[in-house]
Amino acid sequence: MNPDLHKIQTALISVSDKTGILDFAKQLHALGIQLISTGGTASMLKEAGLPVTPVKDITGFPEIMDGRVKTLHPKIHGALLARLNDASHVEAMNEHGINSIDLVIVNLYPFEKTISQPTNDEHTCIENIDIGGPAMVRASAKNFEWTVIVVNPTHYDEVLSELNNTGCISLGLRKHLAGEAFTHTASYDSMIARWFAERQGIAFPEVLTLSMPADQSLRYGENPHQNAKLYGAFSSIFTQLHGKELSYNNIMDIDAASRIALEFEEPVTVIVKHNNPCGVGIGNTLSEAYHKAFATDTVSPFGGILAFNREMDLETAETIHSLFAEVLIAPSFTEEALSLLMKKKDRRLLICRYDALKQAITGKHIRSVAGGLLIQDEDAQLLNEAALHIVTERHPTEEESKAMDFAWRIAKHVKSNAIVYASSDRTLAIGAGQMSRLDSARIAVKKAQDAGIHLTGCAVASDAFFPFADGMLQAVEAGATAVIQPGGSVRDAEVISAANENNVTMMLTGMRHFRH
């Protein structure tokens, strides 16, 4: 007996997501397929005038316990699991009056939607944990040669197309649908497991379960020889309005730039290249902020990512239009700004929902390593106000305090070792990703000199402590008069002494921001 030639004669329908199900059921009925159903789905089909056989008529047993038990019965699961080319299975079906169910359309109780509603109590959430549904889905998927399982409404047309052509479902499609069905139940169970862990305050469970839907297909990864795909809810935070498709590297930089923009209440422009900021500025307008950010480094922004935290207006659009930028990000665009910026067909324009972004980065940060995953809390905190203290003889002026605050906000987002020189409203020079903190300080100074930027009177931030005084003295020699750093080195006293000798004010945060 060939599964490819097995005619579909009966279909069991029990769906929570009723998208398209009525039309699908009507067409199944038109093909002469018997419809079996339960609960609300059965009522909907009957109201539409379709003949429906209730599950209780198949089992000879009523739904009990508020519907908790209705399909968990041998006459249902025997019908789903029987191998029709196995004589012993067929004999058992005949002996116990079991008729084959050939097609199963099932998706599960809306647990995710239920737990997302803060008004729903624990009892309501638990009652939306489906039991019979996953059992039917898994049974059907296991027996895909003889039982077709459909959990996603997007496949209804594909199934109907094959049924209209041959009255059968090809083995290839059966296998595909079975794999999707197991993904469906795995995702469902993972969601429930995470809910139980959260309810018990378990931040790092002994077994990690992850489940994310595919979001976007990507042409390739960091390099053309690497395959890649984006998973999760990125598209619920960012909406692309214009331009060619996003690349893997674009997405990494979009994430980096938008996170920095979140650090500021004032109108800000953030310019990112290769996951590092190359300029950040604030001002009364976006245009003013952009000029300050761009002045930090007029070379690196070419092909960069720009993020703004205010609506993109025409003035700012005109200011940046000549710059070759891969991506522009803003919470909205005026019609005039959009019209101008869309004149470059490949330039990607994105809307960022900053409120959603802020919510999304309060969970866990995940990175892959050989053979596993490293998981940590997101670095969502900037400062611990209680730990802040001035350790030098000279205290900062108001302007120096603002400059240290600005530099620290940026240093948090720069690859370690990170050194950031800043005034109160813009970055002046950034040294990123060096093996030596001294080298980061020197590189930043060299870039400032090349750009004709004077560092006299600026603040300098270091993402981690200065292990020796030399890195700080490099900054002081360049003109820094205020230093903000975590502290914690065995040589803190030496570094503080050097600051006092040079009349520099220094603040220790007690918190570092390594970024590897």
Protein backbone atom coordinates (compact mmCIF):
# COMPACT_ATOMS: atom_id res chain seq x y z
CA MET A 1 0.00 0.00 0.00
CA ASN A 2 1.54 3.30 -1.13
CA PRO A 3 1.04 6.42 1.08
CA ASP A 4 1.17 8.58 -2.05
CA LEU A 5 -1.96 6.81 -3.29
CA HIS A 6 -3.84 6.80 0.02
CA LYS A 7 -7.14 8.65 -0.51
CA ILE A 8 -8.15 11.21 2.08
CA GLN A 9 -11.63 10.28 3.28
CA THR A 10 -11.89 11.65 6.85
CA ALA A 11 -10.65 14.86 8.47
CA LEU A 12 -10.56 15.78 12.15
CA ILE A 13 -10.69 19.54 12.74
CA SER A 14 -10.02 21.18 16.11
CA VAL A 15 -8.40 24.61 15.93
CA SER A 16 -7.82 27.56 18.22
CA ASP A 17 -6.62 29.75 15.35
CA LYS A 18 -9.68 29.66 13.09
CA THR A 19 -8.09 31.70 10.28
CA GLY A 20 -9.44 30.35 6.98
CA ILE A 21 -10.83 27.19 8.57
CA LEU A 22 -14.45 27.64 7.45
CA ASP A 23 -13.57 27.97 3.78
CA PHE A 24 -11.10 25.10 4.09
CA ALA A 25 -13.73 22.86 5.69
CA LYS A 26 -16.27 23.75 3.01
CA GLN A 27 -13.87 22.67 0.29
CA LEU A 28 -13.02 19.45 2.12
CA HIS A 29 -16.74 18.69 2.35
CA ALA A 30 -17.14 19.44 -1.35
CA LEU A 31 -14.51 16.79 -2.02
CA GLY A 32 -16.60 14.24 -0.14
CA ILE A 33 -14.38 14.16 2.96
CA GLN A 34 -16.12 13.38 6.26
CA LEU A 35 -15.64 16.10 8.88
CA ILE A 36 -15.06 15.23 12.55
CA SER A 37 -14.72 17.98 15.13
CA THR A 38 -14.86 19.10 18.74
CA GLY A 39 -16.11 21.99 20.86
CA GLY A 40 -16.18 25.49 19.40
CA THR A 41 -14.87 24.38 16.02
CA ALA A 42 -17.70 21.88 15.63
CA SER A 43 -20.27 24.54 16.56
CA MET A 44 -18.86 26.97 14.00
CA LEU A 45 -18.93 24.37 11.23
CA LYS A 46 -22.50 23.33 12.09
CA GLU A 47 -23.66 26.95 12.08
CA ALA A 48 -22.24 27.22 8.56
CA GLY A 49 -24.43 24.29 7.51
CA LEU A 50 -21.68 21.70 7.24
CA PRO A 51 -22.32 18.11 8.36
CA VAL A 52 -20.00 17.40 11.31
CA THR A 53 -19.52 14.22 13.30
CA PRO A 54 -18.82 15.06 16.96
CA VAL A 55 -15.82 13.28 18.48
CA LYS A 56 -18.11 11.87 21.18
CA ASP A 57 -20.00 9.97 18.47
CA ILE A 58 -16.70 8.35 17.44
CA THR A 59 -15.56 7.50 20.96
CA GLY A 60 -18.95 6.75 22.48
CA PHE A 61 -17.81 8.83 25.43
CA PRO A 62 -18.81 12.40 26.30
CA GLU A 63 -16.47 15.34 26.81
CA ILE A 64 -15.76 15.52 30.55
CA MET A 65 -13.95 17.67 33.12
CA ASP A 66 -14.77 20.97 31.44
CA GLY A 67 -13.43 19.69 28.15
CA ARG A 68 -10.09 18.56 29.56
CA VAL A 69 -10.82 15.05 28.27
CA LYS A 70 -12.44 14.57 24.87
CA THR A 71 -9.98 13.27 22.25
CA LEU A 72 -7.77 11.20 24.57
CA HIS A 73 -9.35 7.91 23.55
CA PRO A 74 -8.19 4.74 21.70
CA LYS A 75 -10.74 5.25 18.91
CA ILE A 76 -9.13 8.62 18.15
CA HIS A 77 -5.48 7.79 18.73
CA GLY A 78 -5.81 4.33 17.19
CA ALA A 79 -7.24 6.06 14.11
CA LEU A 80 -4.28 8.47 14.03
CA LEU A 81 -1.49 6.00 14.75
CA ALA A 82 -2.51 2.92 12.76
CA ARG A 83 -0.06 1.88 10.05
CA LEU A 84 -2.40 0.91 7.28
CA ASN A 85 0.16 -1.34 5.59
CA ASP A 86 0.64 -3.38 8.76
CA ALA A 87 -1.78 -6.32 8.91
CA SER A 88 -1.71 -6.49 12.71
CA HIS A 89 -2.68 -2.81 12.94
CA VAL A 90 -5.54 -3.28 10.51
CA GLU A 91 -6.69 -6.36 12.43
CA ALA A 92 -6.72 -4.35 15.69
CA MET A 93 -8.75 -1.59 14.01
CA ASN A 94 -11.31 -4.12 12.79
CA GLU A 95 -11.48 -5.84 16.17
CA HIS A 96 -12.12 -2.59 18.08
CA GLY A 97 -14.23 -0.75 15.54
CA ILE A 98 -11.63 1.91 14.75
CA ASN A 99 -11.85 3.82 11.47
CA SER A 100 -8.82 5.59 10.07
CA ILE A 101 -8.58 9.40 10.32
CA ASP A 102 -6.61 10.53 7.29
CA LEU A 103 -6.28 14.27 7.75
CA VAL A 104 -5.90 16.21 11.03
CA ILE A 105 -6.20 20.00 11.22
CA VAL A 106 -5.24 21.00 14.75
CA ASN A 107 -3.58 23.98 16.39
CA LEU A 108 -3.31 24.59 20.08
CA TYR A 109 -4.92 26.62 22.85
CA PRO A 110 -3.64 30.25 22.81
CA PHE A 111 -1.32 29.91 25.78
CA GLU A 112 1.02 32.70 24.67
CA LYS A 113 -1.85 35.14 24.20
CA THR A 114 -3.29 34.14 27.57
CA ILE A 115 -0.11 34.72 29.58
CA SER A 116 0.50 38.04 27.81
CA GLN A 117 -2.68 39.44 29.42
CA PRO A 118 -1.75 40.71 32.90
CA THR A 119 -5.37 40.35 34.07
CA ASN A 120 -5.32 36.57 33.60
CA ASP A 121 -4.64 34.67 36.82
CA GLU A 122 -2.64 31.45 37.19
CA HIS A 123 -5.76 29.25 36.96
CA THR A 124 -6.75 30.80 33.61
CA CYS A 125 -3.24 30.35 32.25
CA ILE A 126 -3.10 26.69 33.29
CA GLU A 127 -6.49 25.98 31.72
CA ASN A 128 -5.01 27.23 28.44
CA ILE A 129 -2.34 24.54 28.47
CA ASP A 130 -3.50 22.20 25.72
CA ILE A 131 -3.19 18.45 26.36
CA GLY A 132 -5.32 16.63 23.82
CA GLY A 133 -4.21 18.90 20.97
CA PRO A 134 -0.46 18.22 21.28
CA ALA A 135 -1.19 14.51 21.71
CA MET A 136 -3.13 14.44 18.41
CA VAL A 137 -0.53 16.56 16.63
CA ARG A 138 2.36 14.33 17.74
CA ALA A 139 0.48 11.10 17.01
CA SER A 140 -0.42 12.27 13.51
CA ALA A 141 3.08 13.57 12.81
CA LYS A 142 4.64 10.30 13.96
CA ASN A 143 2.34 8.42 11.57
CA PHE A 144 2.81 10.91 8.68
CA GLU A 145 2.80 8.12 6.08
CA TRP A 146 -0.89 7.52 6.76
CA THR A 147 -2.10 10.59 8.69
CA VAL A 148 -1.63 14.10 7.35
CA ILE A 149 -1.21 16.77 10.04
CA VAL A 150 -1.76 20.48 9.36
CA VAL A 151 -1.06 22.98 12.17
CA ASN A 152 -0.58 26.14 10.12
CA PRO A 153 -3.38 27.81 8.11
CA THR A 154 -0.83 28.92 5.50
CA HIS A 155 -0.78 25.33 4.20
CA TYR A 156 -4.53 25.02 3.57
CA ASP A 157 -4.29 26.04 -0.09
CA GLU A 158 -1.35 23.70 -0.72
CA VAL A 159 -3.24 20.76 0.79
CA LEU A 160 -6.37 21.58 -1.21
CA SER A 161 -4.37 21.83 -4.41
CA GLU A 162 -3.09 18.28 -4.03
CA LEU A 163 -6.49 16.97 -2.95
CA ASN A 164 -8.16 18.56 -5.96
CA ASN A 165 -5.59 17.02 -8.29
CA THR A 166 -5.41 13.46 -6.95
CA GLY A 167 -7.51 13.10 -3.80
CA CYS A 168 -4.24 12.24 -2.04
CA ILE A 169 -1.41 14.06 -0.27
CA SER A 170 2.12 13.38 -1.49
CA LEU A 171 4.64 11.81 0.87
CA GLY A 172 6.93 14.82 0.46
CA LEU A 173 4.28 17.22 1.73
CA ARG A 174 3.31 14.79 4.49
CA LYS A 175 6.91 14.79 5.78
CA HIS A 176 7.16 18.57 5.60
CA LEU A 177 3.91 19.03 7.53
CA ALA A 178 4.99 16.45 10.13
CA GLY A 179 8.26 18.28 10.77
CA GLU A 180 6.41 21.56 11.14
CA ALA A 181 3.97 19.88 13.55
CA PHE A 182 6.76 18.74 15.87
CA THR A 183 8.22 22.25 15.75
CA HIS A 184 4.78 23.55 16.73
CA THR A 185 4.49 21.32 19.80
CA ALA A 186 8.14 21.85 20.78
CA SER A 187 7.65 25.61 20.67
CA TYR A 188 4.44 25.30 22.67
CA ASP A 189 6.05 23.19 25.40
CA SER A 190 9.08 25.50 25.54
CA MET A 191 6.78 28.46 26.12
CA ILE A 192 5.03 26.66 28.98
CA ALA A 193 8.35 25.60 30.53
CA ARG A 194 9.60 29.21 30.46
CA TRP A 195 6.35 30.40 32.06
CA PHE A 196 6.71 27.94 34.93
CA ALA A 197 10.36 28.96 35.42
CA GLU A 198 9.47 32.65 35.48
CA ARG A 199 6.65 32.04 37.97
CA GLN A 200 9.18 30.42 40.28
CA GLY A 201 11.82 33.08 39.81
CA ILE A 202 14.23 30.74 38.00
CA ALA A 203 16.38 32.99 35.79
CA PHE A 204 18.75 30.28 34.56
CA PRO A 205 17.00 26.88 34.34
CA GLU A 206 18.96 23.63 34.35
CA VAL A 207 17.77 22.89 30.81
CA LEU A 208 17.40 25.78 28.38
CA THR A 209 14.46 25.77 25.98
CA LEU A 210 14.46 28.24 23.12
CA SER A 211 11.75 28.77 20.55
CA MET A 212 11.72 31.62 18.05
CA PRO A 213 9.92 31.93 14.72
CA ALA A 214 11.85 32.77 11.58
CA ASP A 215 11.78 36.53 11.02
CA GLN A 216 13.77 37.22 7.85
CA SER A 217 15.79 35.29 5.32
CA LEU A 218 19.23 36.81 4.75
CA ARG A 219 21.38 36.60 1.64
CA TYR A 220 24.35 35.52 3.74
CA GLY A 221 26.01 36.03 7.11
CA GLU A 222 28.97 38.19 8.05
CA ASN A 223 30.67 36.97 4.86
CA PRO A 224 29.22 35.67 1.57
CA HIS A 225 30.30 32.07 2.24
CA GLN A 226 28.22 31.92 5.47
CA ASN A 227 24.52 31.07 5.37
CA ALA A 228 22.28 33.04 7.75
CA LYS A 229 18.72 33.65 8.88
CA LEU A 230 17.15 36.00 11.43
CA TYR A 231 14.84 34.60 14.11
CA GLY A 232 12.65 36.25 16.71
CA ALA A 233 10.69 39.49 16.80
CA PHE A 234 13.10 41.94 15.17
CA SER A 235 10.43 42.99 12.67
CA SER A 236 8.05 43.91 15.47
CA ILE A 237 10.59 46.51 16.62
CA PHE A 238 11.97 47.68 13.28
CA THR A 239 9.95 48.30 10.11
CA GLN A 240 11.75 48.82 6.83
CA LEU A 241 10.23 51.54 4.68
CA HIS A 242 12.68 51.64 1.80
CA GLY A 243 15.86 50.21 0.35
CA LYS A 244 17.36 46.84 -0.42
CA GLU A 245 17.07 43.94 1.99
CA LEU A 246 18.94 44.06 5.27
CA SER A 247 22.15 42.10 5.64
CA TYR A 248 23.44 40.23 8.69
CA ASN A 249 25.94 43.03 9.37
CA ASN A 250 23.27 45.70 8.90
CA ILE A 251 21.12 44.04 11.56
CA MET A 252 24.01 43.86 14.02
CA ASP A 253 24.77 47.55 13.50
CA ILE A 254 21.09 48.56 13.63
CA ASP A 255 20.85 46.89 17.03
CA ALA A 256 24.02 48.61 18.26
CA ALA A 257 23.06 52.10 17.03
CA SER A 258 19.50 51.95 18.36
CA ARG A 259 20.64 50.81 21.81
CA ILE A 260 22.93 53.84 22.07
CA ALA A 261 20.11 56.16 21.01
CA LEU A 262 18.07 54.77 23.92
CA GLU A 263 20.61 56.21 26.36
CA PHE A 264 19.49 59.78 25.63
CA GLU A 265 16.37 61.83 26.23
CA GLU A 266 17.68 64.79 24.19
CA PRO A 267 17.61 64.76 20.37
CA VAL A 268 20.54 62.51 19.48
CA THR A 269 22.37 61.25 16.41
CA VAL A 270 24.33 58.01 16.66
CA ILE A 271 26.70 56.90 13.91
CA VAL A 272 27.85 53.27 14.05
CA LYS A 273 30.35 51.36 11.94
CA HIS A 274 31.24 47.71 12.48
CA ASN A 275 29.27 47.57 15.73
CA ASN A 276 31.15 50.50 17.31
CA PRO A 277 30.01 54.10 17.60
CA CYS A 278 32.19 56.44 15.56
CA GLY A 279 30.30 59.56 16.60
CA VAL A 280 27.43 60.60 18.91
CA GLY A 281 26.01 64.04 19.43
CA ILE A 282 23.04 65.71 21.11
CA GLY A 283 21.48 69.07 20.35
CA ASN A 284 18.30 71.09 20.23
CA THR A 285 17.53 69.57 16.82
CA LEU A 286 18.51 66.39 15.02
CA SER A 287 20.42 68.42 12.47
CA GLU A 288 22.52 70.04 15.20
CA ALA A 289 23.07 66.65 16.83
CA TYR A 290 24.15 65.16 13.50
CA HIS A 291 26.78 67.83 12.87
CA LYS A 292 28.31 67.14 16.29
CA ALA A 293 28.30 63.37 15.78
CA PHE A 294 29.76 63.56 12.29
CA ALA A 295 32.55 65.91 13.40
CA THR A 296 33.98 63.21 15.68
CA ASP A 297 35.13 61.18 12.68
CA THR A 298 34.37 62.41 9.16
CA VAL A 299 35.80 59.29 7.48
CA SER A 300 34.24 56.31 9.26
CA PRO A 301 30.56 57.31 8.73
CA PHE A 302 30.89 56.41 5.03
CA GLY A 303 28.75 53.26 4.68
CA GLY A 304 27.67 53.52 8.31
CA ILE A 305 24.41 53.19 10.23
CA LEU A 306 22.72 56.31 11.63
CA ALA A 307 20.13 56.23 14.42
CA PHE A 308 17.97 59.16 15.56
CA ASN A 309 15.52 59.35 18.46
CA ARG A 310 13.26 62.02 16.98
CA GLU A 311 11.16 62.18 13.82
CA MET A 312 13.33 62.64 10.75
CA ASP A 313 12.50 66.10 9.42
CA LEU A 314 13.35 67.67 6.09
CA GLU A 315 16.16 69.83 7.52
CA THR A 316 17.99 66.80 8.88
CA ALA A 317 17.27 64.79 5.74
CA GLU A 318 18.80 67.54 3.59
CA THR A 319 21.84 67.64 5.89
CA ILE A 320 22.57 63.91 5.64
CA HIS A 321 21.33 63.23 2.11
CA SER A 322 24.76 63.53 0.50
CA LEU A 323 26.31 61.04 2.94
CA PHE A 324 26.52 57.45 1.77
CA ALA A 325 24.85 55.65 4.68
CA GLU A 326 23.71 52.04 4.62
CA VAL A 327 20.79 52.55 7.03
CA LEU A 328 18.91 55.46 8.59
CA ILE A 329 16.80 54.72 11.69
CA ALA A 330 14.21 57.01 13.28
CA PRO A 331 10.93 56.65 15.16
CA SER A 332 9.18 58.28 12.18
CA PHE A 333 9.84 60.27 8.99
CA THR A 334 7.98 63.30 7.69
CA GLU A 335 6.60 62.89 4.18
CA GLU A 336 9.03 65.50 2.86
CA ALA A 337 12.04 63.81 4.48
CA LEU A 338 10.96 60.39 3.24
CA SER A 339 10.48 61.68 -0.30
CA LEU A 340 14.01 63.10 -0.37
CA LEU A 341 15.75 60.16 1.28
CA MET A 342 14.03 57.61 -0.96
CA LYS A 343 15.75 59.12 -4.00
CA LYS A 344 18.66 56.82 -3.21
CA LYS A 345 17.13 53.45 -4.05
CA ASP A 346 19.51 51.28 -2.04
CA ARG A 347 19.48 53.37 1.14
CA ARG A 348 17.61 51.48 3.83
CA LEU A 349 15.13 53.51 5.87
CA LEU A 350 13.82 51.97 9.10
CA ILE A 351 11.31 52.96 11.74
CA CYS A 352 12.34 51.95 15.27
CA ARG A 353 9.72 51.50 17.97
CA TYR A 354 11.97 52.58 20.82
CA ASP A 355 9.49 51.59 23.53
CA ALA A 356 9.43 48.05 22.16
CA LEU A 357 13.23 48.06 21.85
CA LYS A 358 13.59 49.12 25.48
CA GLN A 359 11.34 46.26 26.55
CA ALA A 360 13.17 43.76 24.34
CA ILE A 361 16.62 44.39 25.82
CA THR A 362 15.71 43.79 29.45
CA GLY A 363 15.94 40.00 29.24
CA LYS A 364 18.87 37.73 28.48
CA HIS A 365 21.87 38.20 26.22
CA ILE A 366 22.89 35.06 24.32
CA ARG A 367 26.06 34.25 22.39
CA SER A 368 27.18 31.01 20.83
CA VAL A 369 30.45 29.31 21.67
CA ALA A 370 31.84 25.98 20.52
CA GLY A 371 29.43 23.35 21.76
CA GLY A 372 27.04 25.64 23.56
CA LEU A 373 25.62 29.02 24.47
CA LEU A 374 26.71 31.68 26.92
CA ILE A 375 23.74 33.38 28.56
CA GLN A 376 23.79 36.40 30.82
CA ASP A 377 21.50 39.22 31.91
CA GLU A 378 21.46 42.13 29.48
CA ASP A 379 23.75 45.00 30.44
CA ALA A 380 20.71 47.21 30.95
CA GLN A 381 22.07 49.35 33.80
CA LEU A 382 24.22 52.43 33.21
CA LEU A 383 25.26 53.45 36.71
CA ASN A 384 24.79 52.52 40.32
CA GLU A 385 24.23 55.94 41.85
CA ALA A 386 25.06 54.64 45.33
CA ALA A 387 28.50 53.49 44.19
CA LEU A 388 29.53 56.78 42.51
CA HIS A 389 32.17 58.79 44.30
CA ILE A 390 34.83 61.38 43.59
CA VAL A 391 38.22 60.07 44.70
CA THR A 392 40.44 63.05 43.84
CA GLU A 393 41.19 66.27 45.66
CA ARG A 394 39.53 68.33 42.95
CA HIS A 395 35.81 67.87 42.35
CA PRO A 396 34.35 68.27 38.86
CA THR A 397 32.77 71.41 37.54
CA GLU A 398 29.20 71.17 36.32
CA GLU A 399 30.43 71.01 32.73
CA GLU A 400 32.93 68.26 33.56
CA SER A 401 30.19 66.26 35.30
CA LYS A 402 28.02 66.45 32.20
CA ALA A 403 30.96 65.48 29.99
CA MET A 404 31.79 62.46 32.17
CA ASP A 405 28.16 61.38 32.06
CA PHE A 406 28.09 61.65 28.26
CA ALA A 407 31.39 59.78 27.84
CA TRP A 408 30.21 56.99 30.17
CA ARG A 409 26.98 56.49 28.23
CA ILE A 410 29.01 55.89 25.08
CA ALA A 411 31.78 53.81 26.66
CA LYS A 412 29.12 51.28 27.69
CA HIS A 413 28.55 50.52 23.99
CA VAL A 414 32.15 50.50 22.70
CA LYS A 415 34.07 47.26 22.23
CA SER A 416 36.60 46.65 25.00
CA ASN A 417 39.13 47.95 25.65
CA ALA A 418 37.12 51.16 25.33
CA ILE A 419 38.29 54.75 25.75
CA VAL A 420 35.94 57.64 24.98
CA TYR A 421 36.79 61.34 25.01
CA ALA A 422 33.77 63.63 25.16
CA SER A 423 32.41 67.04 25.96
CA SER A 424 28.98 67.52 27.49
CA ASP A 425 27.14 67.15 24.16
CA ARG A 426 29.27 65.08 21.78
CA THR A 427 31.99 62.51 21.41
CA LEU A 428 35.42 63.89 20.56
CA ALA A 429 37.41 60.70 20.01
CA ILE A 430 36.82 56.97 20.47
CA GLY A 431 39.35 54.16 20.90
CA ALA A 432 37.81 50.71 20.58
CA GLY A 433 38.63 47.04 20.69
CA GLN A 434 42.35 47.14 21.46
CA MET A 435 44.17 44.53 23.49
CA SER A 436 45.76 47.32 25.58
CA ARG A 437 43.81 50.15 27.21
CA LEU A 438 46.84 52.36 26.60
CA ASP A 439 46.61 51.61 22.86
CA SER A 440 42.91 52.52 22.84
CA ALA A 441 43.75 55.85 24.48
CA ARG A 442 46.53 56.53 21.97
CA ILE A 443 44.45 55.59 18.93
CA ALA A 444 41.64 57.89 20.04
CA VAL A 445 44.07 60.78 20.51
CA LYS A 446 45.61 60.17 17.09
CA LYS A 447 42.16 60.20 15.44
CA ALA A 448 41.30 63.46 17.20
CA GLN A 449 44.57 65.03 16.02
CA ASP A 450 43.96 63.86 12.45
CA ALA A 451 40.48 65.42 12.57
CA GLY A 452 41.78 68.67 14.07
CA ILE A 453 39.80 68.14 17.27
CA HIS A 454 41.17 69.65 20.47
CA LEU A 455 40.72 67.57 23.61
CA THR A 456 41.64 70.28 26.09
CA GLY A 457 39.19 70.34 28.99
CA CYS A 458 37.33 67.19 27.94
CA ALA A 459 36.30 64.14 29.95
CA VAL A 460 37.55 60.63 29.30
CA ALA A 461 35.71 57.40 30.10
CA SER A 462 37.20 53.93 30.39
CA ASP A 463 34.89 50.92 30.35
CA ALA A 464 37.03 49.13 32.94
CA PHE A 465 39.68 50.18 35.45
CA PHE A 466 43.07 51.56 34.46
CA PRO A 467 45.50 48.80 35.47
CA PHE A 468 48.32 51.36 35.51
CA ALA A 469 48.45 55.13 35.51
CA ASP A 470 49.91 55.26 31.97
CA GLY A 471 46.57 54.98 30.14
CA MET A 472 45.05 57.78 32.20
CA LEU A 473 48.18 59.92 31.81
CA GLN A 474 47.94 59.48 28.05
CA ALA A 475 44.46 61.01 28.22
CA VAL A 476 45.62 63.79 30.54
CA GLU A 477 48.51 64.62 28.23
CA ALA A 478 45.99 64.93 25.39
CA GLY A 479 43.98 67.45 27.40
CA ALA A 480 41.46 65.53 29.52
CA THR A 481 40.70 67.16 32.87
CA ALA A 482 38.04 64.72 34.10
CA VAL A 483 38.13 60.92 34.24
CA ILE A 484 35.31 58.44 34.83
CA GLN A 485 36.16 54.78 35.31
CA PRO A 486 35.00 51.80 37.40
CA GLY A 487 38.02 51.51 39.67
CA GLY A 488 38.90 48.23 41.34
CA SER A 489 42.53 47.88 40.30
CA VAL A 490 45.18 46.95 42.86
CA ARG A 491 46.88 50.12 41.62
CA ASP A 492 43.90 52.44 42.12
CA ALA A 493 45.88 54.47 44.64
CA GLU A 494 48.66 54.97 42.09
CA VAL A 495 46.16 56.10 39.42
CA ILE A 496 44.39 58.46 41.83
CA SER A 497 47.70 59.92 42.95
CA ALA A 498 48.66 60.60 39.33
CA ALA A 499 45.31 62.32 38.79
CA ASN A 500 45.87 64.55 41.83
CA GLU A 501 49.38 65.43 40.68
CA ASN A 502 47.90 66.64 37.38
CA ASN A 503 44.93 68.47 38.95
CA VAL A 504 42.50 66.04 37.30
CA THR A 505 39.15 65.14 38.80
CA MET A 506 38.21 61.47 38.85
CA MET A 507 34.94 59.65 39.47
CA LEU A 508 34.74 55.91 40.20
CA THR A 509 31.53 54.14 39.19
CA GLY A 510 32.05 50.77 40.84
CA MET A 511 30.51 49.27 37.69
CA ARG A 512 32.27 48.23 34.51
CA HIS A 513 30.92 47.73 30.99
CA PHE A 514 33.07 45.14 29.21
CA ARG A 515 31.80 44.45 25.69
CA HIS A 516 33.49 41.57 23.94
